[in-house]
């Protein structure tokens, strides 16, 4: 259930019987011909669909992440790592103070991966009651990644792997086919200006789209994997 679809008394009652909560995190950045909100849209949607049958509340997505390498594309937003880590720490502290003891962070943006270091540090800190935090990048979870690789090797940013009906921009037509893939080693060493020049349209290469039945299979796999984590991903009960 979406947190915004409840009031505070309902959440207080929920905490009498359950202590789980889901925190989706994403980014607002260029995705070629797809929505600037792609990472945030996907993180929140997969979290909501996964948590719904379990009755676990899902926070509104954190829509801005760490994406300095896309800053040459208008509309792409980024936070400093120190800022982002501070925001995540404050969120975790707030949730723990209110009685949530099992927090699932569902990530939709590769640039947010460094937050795993904060999570490990935060969980290890001494506190009166145990609080568990699990972190998953839904698109890189084992079953989703394996299924995606079976359709096209090395899915990349701004390409088919992020092209769902809910990330497409109305009225925008995608090019046919695809384009050569840019090496990950090159991307890792490139400035924001380099990325703009290298990609031209923002896509890192590969097909722009695959059939919707392929995307449905990937999406359903992702929802199932996140749901399994929310339900069974806790080391301590």
Protein backbone atom coordinates (compact mmCIF):
# COMPACT_ATOMS: atom_id res chain seq x y z
CA UNK A 1 0.00 0.00 0.00
CA UNK A 2 1.18 3.50 -0.75
CA UNK A 3 1.99 5.51 2.37
CA UNK A 4 0.15 8.48 0.87
CA UNK A 5 -3.04 6.42 0.64
CA UNK A 6 -3.15 6.11 4.44
CA UNK A 7 -3.29 8.44 7.42
CA UNK A 8 -1.06 8.44 10.47
CA UNK A 9 -3.49 6.51 12.66
CA UNK A 10 -3.63 3.69 10.13
CA UNK A 11 0.16 3.46 10.10
CA UNK A 12 0.20 3.46 13.91
CA UNK A 13 -2.27 0.56 13.89
CA UNK A 14 -0.20 -1.23 11.24
CA UNK A 15 2.86 -1.03 13.48
CA UNK A 16 0.98 -2.97 16.16
CA UNK A 17 1.14 -6.07 13.94
CA UNK A 18 3.96 -5.54 11.43
CA UNK A 19 7.24 -3.60 11.30
CA UNK A 20 8.14 -3.68 7.60
CA UNK A 21 8.31 -0.70 5.26
CA UNK A 22 9.59 -0.18 1.72
CA UNK A 23 11.68 2.81 0.62
CA UNK A 24 11.96 3.18 -3.18
CA UNK A 25 14.81 5.38 -4.43
CA UNK A 26 15.44 6.54 -7.96
CA UNK A 27 16.78 9.41 -10.01
CA UNK A 28 15.67 12.19 -12.34
CA UNK A 29 17.98 12.07 -15.33
CA UNK A 30 18.08 11.70 -19.08
CA UNK A 31 17.09 8.32 -20.48
CA UNK A 32 17.41 9.03 -24.18
CA UNK A 33 13.89 9.12 -25.62
CA UNK A 34 12.31 7.86 -22.38
CA UNK A 35 11.05 9.86 -19.41
CA UNK A 36 13.48 11.82 -17.26
CA UNK A 37 11.74 10.10 -14.35
CA UNK A 38 12.37 6.55 -15.59
CA UNK A 39 14.44 5.34 -12.62
CA UNK A 40 12.05 6.85 -10.08
CA UNK A 41 8.95 5.61 -11.90
CA UNK A 42 10.25 2.05 -12.07
CA UNK A 43 11.52 1.93 -8.48
CA UNK A 44 8.23 3.13 -7.02
CA UNK A 45 6.03 1.01 -9.27
CA UNK A 46 7.91 -2.24 -8.70
CA UNK A 47 7.90 -1.58 -4.94
CA UNK A 48 4.16 -0.85 -4.83
CA UNK A 49 3.20 -3.88 -6.92
CA UNK A 50 5.49 -6.13 -4.90
CA UNK A 51 4.28 -4.91 -1.50
CA UNK A 52 0.55 -4.67 -2.25
CA UNK A 53 -0.41 -8.32 -1.54
CA UNK A 54 1.65 -8.22 1.66
CA UNK A 55 -0.04 -5.08 3.02
CA UNK A 56 3.34 -3.40 3.58
CA UNK A 57 3.48 0.41 3.25
CA UNK A 58 5.62 1.94 0.52
CA UNK A 59 7.05 5.44 0.88
CA UNK A 60 6.86 7.91 -2.01
CA UNK A 61 9.94 7.43 -4.15
CA UNK A 62 13.01 9.55 -3.45
CA UNK A 63 13.16 11.01 -6.98
CA UNK A 64 16.65 12.55 -7.04
CA UNK A 65 19.83 10.54 -6.72
CA UNK A 66 23.50 10.74 -7.67
CA UNK A 67 23.92 11.30 -11.41
CA UNK A 68 26.66 13.91 -11.97
CA UNK A 69 27.69 12.30 -15.26
CA UNK A 70 24.36 13.34 -16.84
CA UNK A 71 24.49 16.97 -15.77
CA UNK A 72 25.14 18.13 -19.36
CA UNK A 73 21.62 16.97 -20.30
CA UNK A 74 18.95 19.56 -19.33
CA UNK A 75 16.45 18.20 -16.80
CA UNK A 76 18.93 15.77 -15.25
CA UNK A 77 19.31 16.38 -11.51
CA UNK A 78 21.96 15.22 -9.07
CA UNK A 79 22.91 15.42 -5.40
CA UNK A 80 26.37 15.30 -3.90
CA UNK A 81 27.19 11.96 -2.31
CA UNK A 82 27.45 13.64 1.09
CA UNK A 83 23.98 15.15 0.66
CA UNK A 84 22.43 11.92 -0.52
CA UNK A 85 23.94 9.86 2.27
CA UNK A 86 22.72 12.42 4.81
CA UNK A 87 19.18 12.25 3.40
CA UNK A 88 19.15 8.47 3.51
CA UNK A 89 20.51 8.45 7.05
CA UNK A 90 17.77 10.83 8.17
CA UNK A 91 15.09 8.66 6.55
CA UNK A 92 16.39 5.50 8.20
CA UNK A 93 16.62 7.26 11.57
CA UNK A 94 13.07 8.55 11.27
CA UNK A 95 11.61 5.18 10.35
CA UNK A 96 13.48 3.41 13.13
CA UNK A 97 12.37 6.01 15.70
CA UNK A 98 8.74 5.40 14.70
CA UNK A 99 8.99 1.64 15.21
CA UNK A 100 9.82 0.22 11.80
CA UNK A 101 12.28 -2.61 12.32
CA UNK A 102 12.56 -4.10 8.81
CA UNK A 103 13.28 -1.60 6.04
CA UNK A 104 13.55 -2.65 2.38
CA UNK A 105 15.28 -0.13 0.12
CA UNK A 106 14.33 -0.72 -3.53
CA UNK A 107 16.72 1.08 -5.85
CA UNK A 108 16.12 2.02 -9.48
CA UNK A 109 19.35 3.86 -10.32
CA UNK A 110 22.87 2.49 -10.63
CA UNK A 111 24.43 5.71 -9.38
CA UNK A 112 22.75 5.20 -5.99
CA UNK A 113 24.65 1.97 -5.31
CA UNK A 114 27.19 3.65 -2.97
CA UNK A 115 24.40 4.03 -0.41
CA UNK A 116 24.96 0.36 0.44
CA UNK A 117 28.01 1.48 2.42
CA UNK A 118 25.83 3.77 4.52
CA UNK A 119 23.28 0.99 5.05
CA UNK A 120 25.93 -1.39 6.35
CA UNK A 121 27.33 1.26 8.70
CA UNK A 122 23.86 2.26 9.90
CA UNK A 123 22.74 -1.31 10.61
CA UNK A 124 25.93 -2.04 12.55
CA UNK A 125 25.52 0.95 14.87
CA UNK A 126 24.42 0.06 18.42
CA UNK A 127 20.76 0.76 19.22
CA UNK A 128 18.24 -0.48 21.76
CA UNK A 129 16.35 -2.65 19.28
CA UNK A 130 17.56 -4.44 16.18
CA UNK A 131 16.68 -2.78 12.87
CA UNK A 132 17.29 -4.67 9.65
CA UNK A 133 17.76 -3.02 6.26
CA UNK A 134 17.89 -4.86 2.96
CA UNK A 135 18.93 -3.12 -0.24
CA UNK A 136 18.14 -4.27 -3.76
CA UNK A 137 18.59 -2.75 -7.18
CA UNK A 138 15.54 -4.42 -8.72
CA UNK A 139 16.90 -4.32 -12.28
CA UNK A 140 20.12 -6.09 -11.24
CA UNK A 141 18.55 -8.79 -9.05
CA UNK A 142 19.60 -12.29 -10.18
CA UNK A 143 16.45 -13.47 -11.94
CA UNK A 144 15.76 -10.17 -13.70
CA UNK A 145 19.37 -9.84 -14.81
CA UNK A 146 19.51 -13.39 -16.12
CA UNK A 147 16.25 -13.00 -18.02
CA UNK A 148 17.35 -9.69 -19.55
CA UNK A 149 20.66 -11.18 -20.66
CA UNK A 150 18.81 -14.01 -22.37
CA UNK A 151 17.18 -11.48 -24.70
CA UNK A 152 20.10 -9.15 -25.37
CA UNK A 153 23.56 -9.19 -23.83
CA UNK A 154 24.55 -6.35 -21.54
CA UNK A 155 21.41 -4.16 -21.42
CA UNK A 156 22.40 -0.52 -21.18
CA UNK A 157 21.17 2.86 -19.99
CA UNK A 158 18.37 4.49 -21.96
CA UNK A 159 17.71 1.43 -24.10
CA UNK A 160 15.16 -1.34 -24.35
CA UNK A 161 15.64 -2.61 -20.81
CA UNK A 162 14.06 0.55 -19.41
CA UNK A 163 11.45 0.91 -22.14
CA UNK A 164 8.12 0.07 -20.52
CA UNK A 165 4.72 1.58 -21.38
CA UNK A 166 4.94 3.67 -18.20
CA UNK A 167 8.38 5.15 -19.01
CA UNK A 168 7.54 6.23 -22.56
CA UNK A 169 6.78 9.88 -23.29
CA UNK A 170 3.53 10.45 -25.20
CA UNK A 171 4.12 11.66 -28.73
CA UNK A 172 7.80 10.70 -28.80
CA UNK A 173 8.77 8.11 -31.40
CA UNK A 174 11.85 5.97 -30.82
CA UNK A 175 14.33 5.23 -33.62
CA UNK A 176 14.08 1.83 -35.26
CA UNK A 177 16.59 -0.87 -34.32
CA UNK A 178 19.48 0.15 -32.11
CA UNK A 179 22.99 1.54 -31.97
CA UNK A 180 26.48 0.30 -30.99
CA UNK A 181 27.09 -0.08 -27.27
CA UNK A 182 29.52 2.26 -25.55
CA UNK A 183 32.13 0.45 -23.46
CA UNK A 184 31.49 0.53 -19.72
CA UNK A 185 35.20 1.27 -19.21
CA UNK A 186 34.88 4.38 -21.37
CA UNK A 187 31.72 5.48 -19.57
CA UNK A 188 33.41 5.06 -16.18
CA UNK A 189 36.15 7.52 -17.17
CA UNK A 190 33.98 10.04 -19.01
CA UNK A 191 32.99 13.53 -17.89
CA UNK A 192 29.45 14.83 -18.21
CA UNK A 193 30.45 16.61 -21.43
CA UNK A 194 32.00 13.39 -22.74
CA UNK A 195 28.80 11.44 -22.07
CA UNK A 196 26.76 14.03 -23.97
CA UNK A 197 29.14 13.84 -26.93
CA UNK A 198 29.59 10.06 -26.91
CA UNK A 199 25.91 9.16 -26.68
CA UNK A 200 24.37 12.05 -28.66
CA UNK A 201 20.82 10.97 -27.75
CA UNK A 202 21.64 9.72 -24.23
CA UNK A 203 21.32 5.99 -24.89
CA UNK A 204 24.39 3.89 -24.15
CA UNK A 205 23.55 1.52 -27.00
CA UNK A 206 21.76 -1.69 -27.93
CA UNK A 207 18.16 -1.93 -29.07
CA UNK A 208 15.81 0.93 -28.34
CA UNK A 209 12.85 -1.39 -27.79
CA UNK A 210 11.90 -5.06 -27.53
CA UNK A 211 8.38 -6.52 -27.84
CA UNK A 212 5.98 -5.75 -25.00
CA UNK A 213 5.61 -9.44 -24.12
CA UNK A 214 9.34 -9.52 -23.38
CA UNK A 215 9.03 -6.44 -21.18
CA UNK A 216 6.01 -7.92 -19.37
CA UNK A 217 8.01 -11.06 -18.54
CA UNK A 218 10.88 -8.97 -17.18
CA UNK A 219 8.54 -6.78 -15.16
CA UNK A 220 6.67 -9.68 -13.60
CA UNK A 221 9.98 -11.29 -12.68
CA UNK A 222 11.14 -8.07 -11.06
CA UNK A 223 7.95 -7.69 -9.03
CA UNK A 224 8.19 -11.29 -7.84
CA UNK A 225 11.83 -10.89 -6.83
CA UNK A 226 11.17 -7.72 -4.84
CA UNK A 227 8.14 -9.32 -3.18
CA UNK A 228 10.23 -12.31 -2.13
CA UNK A 229 12.77 -9.96 -0.58
CA UNK A 230 10.12 -8.04 1.37
CA UNK A 231 8.58 -11.29 2.57
CA UNK A 232 11.61 -13.50 3.16
CA UNK A 233 14.75 -11.35 3.05
CA UNK A 234 15.21 -10.92 6.78
CA UNK A 235 18.04 -12.69 8.57
CA UNK A 236 16.48 -12.23 11.99
CA UNK A 237 12.82 -12.61 13.02
